[in-house]
Each structure stands twice: as C-alpha cells, then as structure tokens.
C-alpha cells in the first residue's frame, strides 16, 4: 500500500512537470487558479535546476533533468520500501 502511494506521488509530480512543459508552448493566463496551483507545485522542484542549468539556445532543459532526478529518486525510494 505504501509502495503504491509513494509511486503515485512521484508519478503525479512527473506528470505535473510534463504538463507545465506543454503549457509553456502556449499562452496561458498565469492568474488562472489551476495554472497558479501547477506553478506552486512545480516551482520548488524546477527552480534549483534552473539555477544550475542555464537555457541553451532559448531552450530550458531543467525540466528534463528534473524528470530524470525524480525518476532516480522514485526508484531509490521504492527499492528501500
């Protein structure tokens, strides 16, 4: 049960980051409550990576690195359970 809950949380975080990446390609209202919630959840995860990894050619690769790190953490935590 705990294994499935932890796995679900990691998968939801990954999904939210992926949705944020997709929404970055279109114009969204940053004051929309759902968009604000998305940013509030993903900013603490993405901001440290954005500080370390500068944009290359106008592309932000920090979400990709964050997704890789989240997956590695998920595997590590699930192996410990």
PDB file of N, CA and C in Angstrom:
ATOM      1  N   UNK A   1       0.819  -1.194   0.000  1.00  0.00           N
ATOM      2  CA  UNK A   1       0.000   0.000   0.000  1.00  0.00           C
ATOM      3  C   UNK A   1       0.862   1.257   0.000  1.00  0.00           C
ATOM      4  N   UNK A   2       1.845   1.316   0.898  1.00  0.00           N
ATOM      5  CA  UNK A   2       2.747   2.455   0.963  1.00  0.00           C
ATOM      6  C   UNK A   2       3.564   2.565  -0.322  1.00  0.00           C
ATOM      7  N   UNK A   3       3.984   1.426  -0.846  1.00  0.00           N
ATOM      8  CA  UNK A   3       4.734   1.372  -2.101  1.00  0.00           C
ATOM      9  C   UNK A   3       3.936   2.039  -3.218  1.00  0.00           C
ATOM     10  N   UNK A   4       2.669   1.710  -3.330  1.00  0.00           N
ATOM     11  CA  UNK A   4       1.819   2.265  -4.387  1.00  0.00           C
ATOM     12  C   UNK A   4       1.574   3.759  -4.187  1.00  0.00           C
ATOM     13  N   UNK A   5       1.419   4.193  -2.961  1.00  0.00           N
ATOM     14  CA  UNK A   5       1.196   5.605  -2.671  1.00  0.00           C
ATOM     15  C   UNK A   5       2.427   6.437  -3.035  1.00  0.00           C
ATOM     16  N   UNK A   6       3.587   5.974  -2.634  1.00  0.00           N
ATOM     17  CA  UNK A   6       4.831   6.684  -2.951  1.00  0.00           C
ATOM     18  C   UNK A   6       5.035   6.725  -4.464  1.00  0.00           C
ATOM     19  N   UNK A   7       4.804   5.624  -5.120  1.00  0.00           N
ATOM     20  CA  UNK A   7       4.940   5.568  -6.575  1.00  0.00           C
ATOM     21  C   UNK A   7       3.971   6.553  -7.238  1.00  0.00           C
ATOM     22  N   UNK A   8       2.745   6.609  -6.752  1.00  0.00           N
ATOM     23  CA  UNK A   8       1.738   7.517  -7.303  1.00  0.00           C
ATOM     24  C   UNK A   8       2.166   8.977  -7.130  1.00  0.00           C
ATOM     25  N   UNK A   9       2.710   9.329  -5.983  1.00  0.00           N
ATOM     26  CA  UNK A   9       3.143  10.705  -5.732  1.00  0.00           C
ATOM     27  C   UNK A   9       4.254  11.101  -6.707  1.00  0.00           C
ATOM     28  N   UNK A  10       5.222  10.223  -6.892  1.00  0.00           N
ATOM     29  CA  UNK A  10       6.305  10.515  -7.833  1.00  0.00           C
ATOM     30  C   UNK A  10       5.783  10.627  -9.267  1.00  0.00           C
ATOM     31  N   UNK A  11       4.860   9.773  -9.625  1.00  0.00           N
ATOM     32  CA  UNK A  11       4.306   9.822 -10.982  1.00  0.00           C
ATOM     33  C   UNK A  11       3.493  11.098 -11.193  1.00  0.00           C
ATOM     34  N   UNK A  12       2.751  11.529 -10.181  1.00  0.00           N
ATOM     35  CA  UNK A  12       1.987  12.782 -10.285  1.00  0.00           C
ATOM     36  C   UNK A  12       2.909  13.994 -10.431  1.00  0.00           C
ATOM     37  N   UNK A  13       4.004  14.002  -9.689  1.00  0.00           N
ATOM     38  CA  UNK A  13       4.973  15.089  -9.828  1.00  0.00           C
ATOM     39  C   UNK A  13       5.541  15.130 -11.240  1.00  0.00           C
ATOM     40  N   UNK A  14       5.872  13.981 -11.764  1.00  0.00           N
ATOM     41  CA  UNK A  14       6.397  13.907 -13.131  1.00  0.00           C
ATOM     42  C   UNK A  14       5.354  14.394 -14.133  1.00  0.00           C
ATOM     43  N   UNK A  15       4.125  13.995 -13.940  1.00  0.00           N
ATOM     44  CA  UNK A  15       3.053  14.413 -14.838  1.00  0.00           C
ATOM     45  C   UNK A  15       2.848  15.929 -14.776  1.00  0.00           C
ATOM     46  N   UNK A  16       2.883  16.501 -13.590  1.00  0.00           N
ATOM     47  CA  UNK A  16       2.703  17.947 -13.443  1.00  0.00           C
ATOM     48  C   UNK A  16       3.829  18.712 -14.131  1.00  0.00           C
ATOM     49  N   UNK A  17       5.046  18.220 -14.022  1.00  0.00           N
ATOM     50  CA  UNK A  17       6.161  18.873 -14.708  1.00  0.00           C
ATOM     51  C   UNK A  17       5.977  18.762 -16.218  1.00  0.00           C
ATOM     52  N   UNK A  18       5.550  17.607 -16.684  1.00  0.00           N
ATOM     53  CA  UNK A  18       5.317  17.419 -18.120  1.00  0.00           C
ATOM     54  C   UNK A  18       4.213  18.354 -18.619  1.00  0.00           C
ATOM     55  N   UNK A  19       3.139  18.500 -17.855  1.00  0.00           N
ATOM     56  CA  UNK A  19       2.048  19.413 -18.232  1.00  0.00           C
ATOM     57  C   UNK A  19       2.561  20.847 -18.262  1.00  0.00           C
ATOM     58  N   UNK A  20       3.393  21.200 -17.311  1.00  0.00           N
ATOM     59  CA  UNK A  20       3.951  22.557 -17.306  1.00  0.00           C
ATOM     60  C   UNK A  20       4.796  22.811 -18.544  1.00  0.00           C
ATOM     61  N   UNK A  21       5.568  21.826 -18.957  1.00  0.00           N
ATOM     62  CA  UNK A  21       6.372  21.965 -20.174  1.00  0.00           C
ATOM     63  C   UNK A  21       5.458  22.160 -21.376  1.00  0.00           C
ATOM     64  N   UNK A  22       4.414  21.371 -21.474  1.00  0.00           N
ATOM     65  CA  UNK A  22       3.488  21.509 -22.597  1.00  0.00           C
ATOM     66  C   UNK A  22       2.808  22.875 -22.592  1.00  0.00           C
ATOM     67  N   UNK A  23       2.427  23.357 -21.422  1.00  0.00           N
ATOM     68  CA  UNK A  23       1.761  24.655 -21.330  1.00  0.00           C
ATOM     69  C   UNK A  23       2.714  25.813 -21.627  1.00  0.00           C
ATOM     70  N   UNK A  24       4.012  25.578 -21.509  1.00  0.00           N
ATOM     71  CA  UNK A  24       4.959  26.651 -21.813  1.00  0.00           C
ATOM     72  C   UNK A  24       4.991  26.960 -23.303  1.00  0.00           C
ATOM     73  N   UNK A  25       4.448  26.088 -24.116  1.00  0.00           N
ATOM     74  CA  UNK A  25       4.431  26.304 -25.568  1.00  0.00           C
ATOM     75  C   UNK A  25       3.243  27.138 -26.016  1.00  0.00           C
ATOM     76  N   UNK A  26       2.279  27.348 -25.136  1.00  0.00           N
ATOM     77  CA  UNK A  26       1.098  28.146 -25.477  1.00  0.00           C
ATOM     78  C   UNK A  26       0.946  29.256 -24.443  1.00  0.00           C
ATOM     79  N   UNK A  27       0.192  30.261 -24.808  1.00  0.00           N
ATOM     80  CA  UNK A  27      -0.045  31.376 -23.890  1.00  0.00           C
ATOM     81  C   UNK A  27      -1.149  30.972 -22.912  1.00  0.00           C
ATOM     82  N   UNK A  28      -0.827  31.052 -21.629  1.00  0.00           N
ATOM     83  CA  UNK A  28      -1.807  30.746 -20.582  1.00  0.00           C
ATOM     84  C   UNK A  28      -1.915  31.945 -19.647  1.00  0.00           C
ATOM     85  N   UNK A  29      -3.048  32.044 -18.994  1.00  0.00           N
ATOM     86  CA  UNK A  29      -3.265  33.103 -18.026  1.00  0.00           C
ATOM     87  C   UNK A  29      -2.593  32.693 -16.711  1.00  0.00           C
ATOM     88  N   UNK A  30      -1.522  33.386 -16.303  1.00  0.00           N
ATOM     89  CA  UNK A  30      -0.823  32.993 -15.078  1.00  0.00           C
ATOM     90  C   UNK A  30      -1.642  33.205 -13.813  1.00  0.00           C
ATOM     91  N   UNK A  31      -2.777  33.907 -13.929  1.00  0.00           N
ATOM     92  CA  UNK A  31      -3.627  34.147 -12.763  1.00  0.00           C
ATOM     93  C   UNK A  31      -4.757  33.129 -12.639  1.00  0.00           C
ATOM     94  N   UNK A  32      -4.840  32.218 -13.602  1.00  0.00           N
ATOM     95  CA  UNK A  32      -5.819  31.137 -13.527  1.00  0.00           C
ATOM     96  C   UNK A  32      -5.476  30.273 -12.310  1.00  0.00           C
ATOM     97  N   UNK A  33      -6.453  29.939 -11.472  1.00  0.00           N
ATOM     98  CA  UNK A  33      -6.158  29.167 -10.258  1.00  0.00           C
ATOM     99  C   UNK A  33      -5.487  27.813 -10.535  1.00  0.00           C
ATOM    100  N   UNK A  34      -5.876  27.149 -11.602  1.00  0.00           N
ATOM    101  CA  UNK A  34      -5.239  25.859 -11.902  1.00  0.00           C
ATOM    102  C   UNK A  34      -3.794  26.034 -12.346  1.00  0.00           C
ATOM    103  N   UNK A  35      -3.545  27.050 -13.141  1.00  0.00           N
ATOM    104  CA  UNK A  35      -2.174  27.332 -13.580  1.00  0.00           C
ATOM    105  C   UNK A  35      -1.331  27.758 -12.384  1.00  0.00           C
ATOM    106  N   UNK A  36      -1.914  28.578 -11.519  1.00  0.00           N
ATOM    107  CA  UNK A  36      -1.199  29.015 -10.311  1.00  0.00           C
ATOM    108  C   UNK A  36      -0.848  27.811  -9.428  1.00  0.00           C
ATOM    109  N   UNK A  37      -1.781  26.874  -9.279  1.00  0.00           N
ATOM    110  CA  UNK A  37      -1.525  25.665  -8.495  1.00  0.00           C
ATOM    111  C   UNK A  37      -0.404  24.843  -9.133  1.00  0.00           C
ATOM    112  N   UNK A  38      -0.444  24.705 -10.443  1.00  0.00           N
ATOM    113  CA  UNK A  38       0.596  23.971 -11.165  1.00  0.00           C
ATOM    114  C   UNK A  38       1.964  24.593 -10.906  1.00  0.00           C
ATOM    115  N   UNK A  39       2.044  25.916 -10.999  1.00  0.00           N
ATOM    116  CA  UNK A  39       3.317  26.600 -10.754  1.00  0.00           C
ATOM    117  C   UNK A  39       3.744  26.475  -9.292  1.00  0.00           C
ATOM    118  N   UNK A  40       2.781  26.574  -8.379  1.00  0.00           N
ATOM    119  CA  UNK A  40       3.104  26.467  -6.951  1.00  0.00           C
ATOM    120  C   UNK A  40       3.673  25.094  -6.599  1.00  0.00           C
ATOM    121  N   UNK A  41       3.206  24.064  -7.282  1.00  0.00           N
ATOM    122  CA  UNK A  41       3.686  22.706  -7.006  1.00  0.00           C
ATOM    123  C   UNK A  41       5.022  22.442  -7.686  1.00  0.00           C
ATOM    124  N   UNK A  42       5.185  22.923  -8.914  1.00  0.00           N
ATOM    125  CA  UNK A  42       6.388  22.577  -9.681  1.00  0.00           C
ATOM    126  C   UNK A  42       7.550  23.544  -9.488  1.00  0.00           C
ATOM    127  N   UNK A  43       7.291  24.785  -9.103  1.00  0.00           N
ATOM    128  CA  UNK A  43       8.381  25.752  -8.922  1.00  0.00           C
ATOM    129  C   UNK A  43       9.432  25.295  -7.906  1.00  0.00           C
ATOM    130  N   UNK A  44       9.055  24.787  -6.739  1.00  0.00           N
ATOM    131  CA  UNK A  44      10.094  24.355  -5.796  1.00  0.00           C
ATOM    132  C   UNK A  44      10.972  23.218  -6.336  1.00  0.00           C
ATOM    133  N   UNK A  45      10.453  22.463  -7.270  1.00  0.00           N
ATOM    134  CA  UNK A  45      11.230  21.373  -7.854  1.00  0.00           C
ATOM    135  C   UNK A  45      12.116  21.905  -8.976  1.00  0.00           C
ATOM    136  N   UNK A  46      11.571  22.767  -9.823  1.00  0.00           N
ATOM    137  CA  UNK A  46      12.295  23.218 -11.007  1.00  0.00           C
ATOM    138  C   UNK A  46      13.293  24.341 -10.735  1.00  0.00           C
ATOM    139  N   UNK A  47      13.007  25.207  -9.772  1.00  0.00           N
ATOM    140  CA  UNK A  47      13.860  26.376  -9.536  1.00  0.00           C
ATOM    141  C   UNK A  47      15.319  26.016  -9.246  1.00  0.00           C
ATOM    142  N   UNK A  48      15.621  25.041  -8.396  1.00  0.00           N
ATOM    143  CA  UNK A  48      17.039  24.701  -8.194  1.00  0.00           C
ATOM    144  C   UNK A  48      17.733  24.232  -9.479  1.00  0.00           C
ATOM    145  N   UNK A  49      17.018  23.494 -10.313  1.00  0.00           N
ATOM    146  CA  UNK A  49      17.606  23.039 -11.568  1.00  0.00           C
ATOM    147  C   UNK A  49      17.793  24.203 -12.538  1.00  0.00           C
ATOM    148  N   UNK A  50      16.880  25.162 -12.515  1.00  0.00           N
ATOM    149  CA  UNK A  50      17.002  26.328 -13.394  1.00  0.00           C
ATOM    150  C   UNK A  50      18.172  27.212 -12.995  1.00  0.00           C
ATOM    151  N   UNK A  51      18.517  27.218 -11.723  1.00  0.00           N
ATOM    152  CA  UNK A  51      19.683  27.980 -11.267  1.00  0.00           C
ATOM    153  C   UNK A  51      20.978  27.335 -11.739  1.00  0.00           C
ATOM    154  N   UNK A  52      20.996  26.010 -11.794  1.00  0.00           N
ATOM    155  CA  UNK A  52      22.211  25.272 -12.152  1.00  0.00           C
ATOM    156  C   UNK A  52      22.387  25.175 -13.662  1.00  0.00           C
ATOM    157  N   UNK A  53      21.301  24.926 -14.376  1.00  0.00           N
ATOM    158  CA  UNK A  53      21.352  24.670 -15.815  1.00  0.00           C
ATOM    159  C   UNK A  53      20.816  25.887 -16.569  1.00  0.00           C
ATOM    160  N   UNK A  54      21.706  26.631 -17.240  1.00  0.00           N
ATOM    161  CA  UNK A  54      21.226  27.793 -17.994  1.00  0.00           C
ATOM    162  C   UNK A  54      20.518  27.349 -19.278  1.00  0.00           C
ATOM    163  N   UNK A  55      19.602  28.176 -19.781  1.00  0.00           N
ATOM    164  CA  UNK A  55      18.960  27.836 -21.060  1.00  0.00           C
ATOM    165  C   UNK A  55      19.998  27.777 -22.179  1.00  0.00           C
ATOM    166  N   UNK A  56      19.825  26.827 -23.065  1.00  0.00           N
ATOM    167  CA  UNK A  56      20.732  26.662 -24.200  1.00  0.00           C
ATOM    168  C   UNK A  56      19.960  26.935 -25.485  1.00  0.00           C
ATOM    169  N   UNK A  57      20.325  27.980 -26.168  1.00  0.00           N
ATOM    170  CA  UNK A  57      19.635  28.312 -27.411  1.00  0.00           C
ATOM    171  C   UNK A  57      18.172  28.647 -27.197  1.00  0.00           C
ATOM    172  N   UNK A  58      17.855  29.212 -26.047  1.00  0.00           N
ATOM    173  CA  UNK A  58      16.472  29.569 -25.756  1.00  0.00           C
ATOM    174  C   UNK A  58      15.633  28.414 -25.229  1.00  0.00           C
ATOM    175  N   UNK A  59      16.241  27.247 -25.074  1.00  0.00           N
ATOM    176  CA  UNK A  59      15.516  26.080 -24.553  1.00  0.00           C
ATOM    177  C   UNK A  59      15.918  25.814 -23.117  1.00  0.00           C
ATOM    178  N   UNK A  60      14.941  25.550 -22.279  1.00  0.00           N
ATOM    179  CA  UNK A  60      15.164  25.255 -20.867  1.00  0.00           C
ATOM    180  C   UNK A  60      15.163  23.740 -20.686  1.00  0.00           C
ATOM    181  N   UNK A  61      16.339  23.197 -20.379  1.00  0.00           N
ATOM    182  CA  UNK A  61      16.468  21.752 -20.204  1.00  0.00           C
ATOM    183  C   UNK A  61      16.296  21.325 -18.749  1.00  0.00           C
ATOM    184  N   UNK A  62      16.044  22.273 -17.858  1.00  0.00           N
ATOM    185  CA  UNK A  62      15.908  21.928 -16.445  1.00  0.00           C
ATOM    186  C   UNK A  62      14.734  20.981 -16.163  1.00  0.00           C
ATOM    187  N   UNK A  63      13.586  21.090 -16.845  1.00  0.00           N
ATOM    188  CA  UNK A  63      12.521  20.110 -16.581  1.00  0.00           C
ATOM    189  C   UNK A  63      12.936  18.680 -16.949  1.00  0.00           C
ATOM    190  N   UNK A  64      13.713  18.534 -18.009  1.00  0.00           N
ATOM    191  CA  UNK A  64      14.178  17.197 -18.400  1.00  0.00           C
ATOM    192  C   UNK A  64      15.084  16.619 -17.323  1.00  0.00           C
ATOM    193  N   UNK A  65      16.009  17.428 -16.825  1.00  0.00           N
ATOM    194  CA  UNK A  65      16.904  16.970 -15.760  1.00  0.00           C
ATOM    195  C   UNK A  65      16.104  16.676 -14.493  1.00  0.00           C
ATOM    196  N   UNK A  66      15.126  17.520 -14.191  1.00  0.00           N
ATOM    197  CA  UNK A  66      14.292  17.297 -13.006  1.00  0.00           C
ATOM    198  C   UNK A  66      13.524  15.981 -13.132  1.00  0.00           C
ATOM    199  N   UNK A  67      13.003  15.692 -14.308  1.00  0.00           N
ATOM    200  CA  UNK A  67      12.281  14.427 -14.509  1.00  0.00           C
ATOM    201  C   UNK A  67      13.203  13.231 -14.326  1.00  0.00           C
ATOM    202  N   UNK A  68      14.427  13.346 -14.795  1.00  0.00           N
ATOM    203  CA  UNK A  68      15.395  12.246 -14.622  1.00  0.00           C
ATOM    204  C   UNK A  68      15.714  12.052 -13.145  1.00  0.00           C
ATOM    205  N   UNK A  69      15.939  13.148 -12.431  1.00  0.00           N
ATOM    206  CA  UNK A  69      16.248  13.057 -10.997  1.00  0.00           C
ATOM    207  C   UNK A  69      15.052  12.506 -10.222  1.00  0.00           C
ATOM    208  N   UNK A  70      13.851  12.941 -10.564  1.00  0.00           N
ATOM    209  CA  UNK A  70      12.655  12.425  -9.894  1.00  0.00           C
ATOM    210  C   UNK A  70      12.523  10.927 -10.117  1.00  0.00           C
ATOM    211  N   UNK A  71      12.795  10.484 -11.336  1.00  0.00           N
ATOM    212  CA  UNK A  71      12.705   9.049 -11.609  1.00  0.00           C
ATOM    213  C   UNK A  71      13.763   8.264 -10.829  1.00  0.00           C
ATOM    214  N   UNK A  72      14.977   8.800 -10.751  1.00  0.00           N
ATOM    215  CA  UNK A  72      16.022   8.135  -9.966  1.00  0.00           C
ATOM    216  C   UNK A  72      15.654   8.084  -8.490  1.00  0.00           C
ATOM    217  N   UNK A  73      15.116   9.186  -7.965  1.00  0.00           N
ATOM    218  CA  UNK A  73      14.674   9.197  -6.562  1.00  0.00           C
ATOM    219  C   UNK A  73      13.528   8.215  -6.328  1.00  0.00           C
ATOM    220  N   UNK A  74      12.610   8.162  -7.288  1.00  0.00           N
ATOM    221  CA  UNK A  74      11.482   7.225  -7.174  1.00  0.00           C
ATOM    222  C   UNK A  74      12.004   5.789  -7.093  1.00  0.00           C
ATOM    223  N   UNK A  75      12.935   5.459  -7.966  1.00  0.00           N
ATOM    224  CA  UNK A  75      13.485   4.098  -7.960  1.00  0.00           C
ATOM    225  C   UNK A  75      14.216   3.794  -6.658  1.00  0.00           C
ATOM    226  N   UNK A  76      14.973   4.775  -6.169  1.00  0.00           N
ATOM    227  CA  UNK A  76      15.701   4.579  -4.929  1.00  0.00           C
ATOM    228  C   UNK A  76      14.764   4.388  -3.754  1.00  0.00           C
ATOM    229  N   UNK A  77      13.778   5.266  -3.632  1.00  0.00           N
ATOM    230  CA  UNK A  77      12.825   5.179  -2.515  1.00  0.00           C
ATOM    231  C   UNK A  77      12.024   3.878  -2.588  1.00  0.00           C
ATOM    232  N   UNK A  78      11.580   3.517  -3.783  1.00  0.00           N
ATOM    233  CA  UNK A  78      10.784   2.287  -3.916  1.00  0.00           C
ATOM    234  C   UNK A  78      11.623   1.036  -3.644  1.00  0.00           C
ATOM    235  N   UNK A  79      12.904   1.093  -3.963  1.00  0.00           N
ATOM    236  CA  UNK A  79      13.757  -0.075  -3.667  1.00  0.00           C
ATOM    237  C   UNK A  79      13.982  -0.215  -2.160  1.00  0.00           C
ATOM    238  N   UNK A  80      13.957   0.920  -1.444  1.00  0.00           N
ATOM    239  CA  UNK A  80      14.102   0.870   0.009  1.00  0.00           C
ATOM    240  C   UNK A  80      12.830   0.387   0.698  1.00  0.00           C
ATOM    241  N   UNK A  81      11.702   0.547   0.027  1.00  0.00           N
ATOM    242  CA  UNK A  81      10.450   0.058   0.619  1.00  0.00           C
ATOM    243  C   UNK A  81      10.340  -1.401   0.300  1.00  0.00           C
TER     244      UNK A  81
END
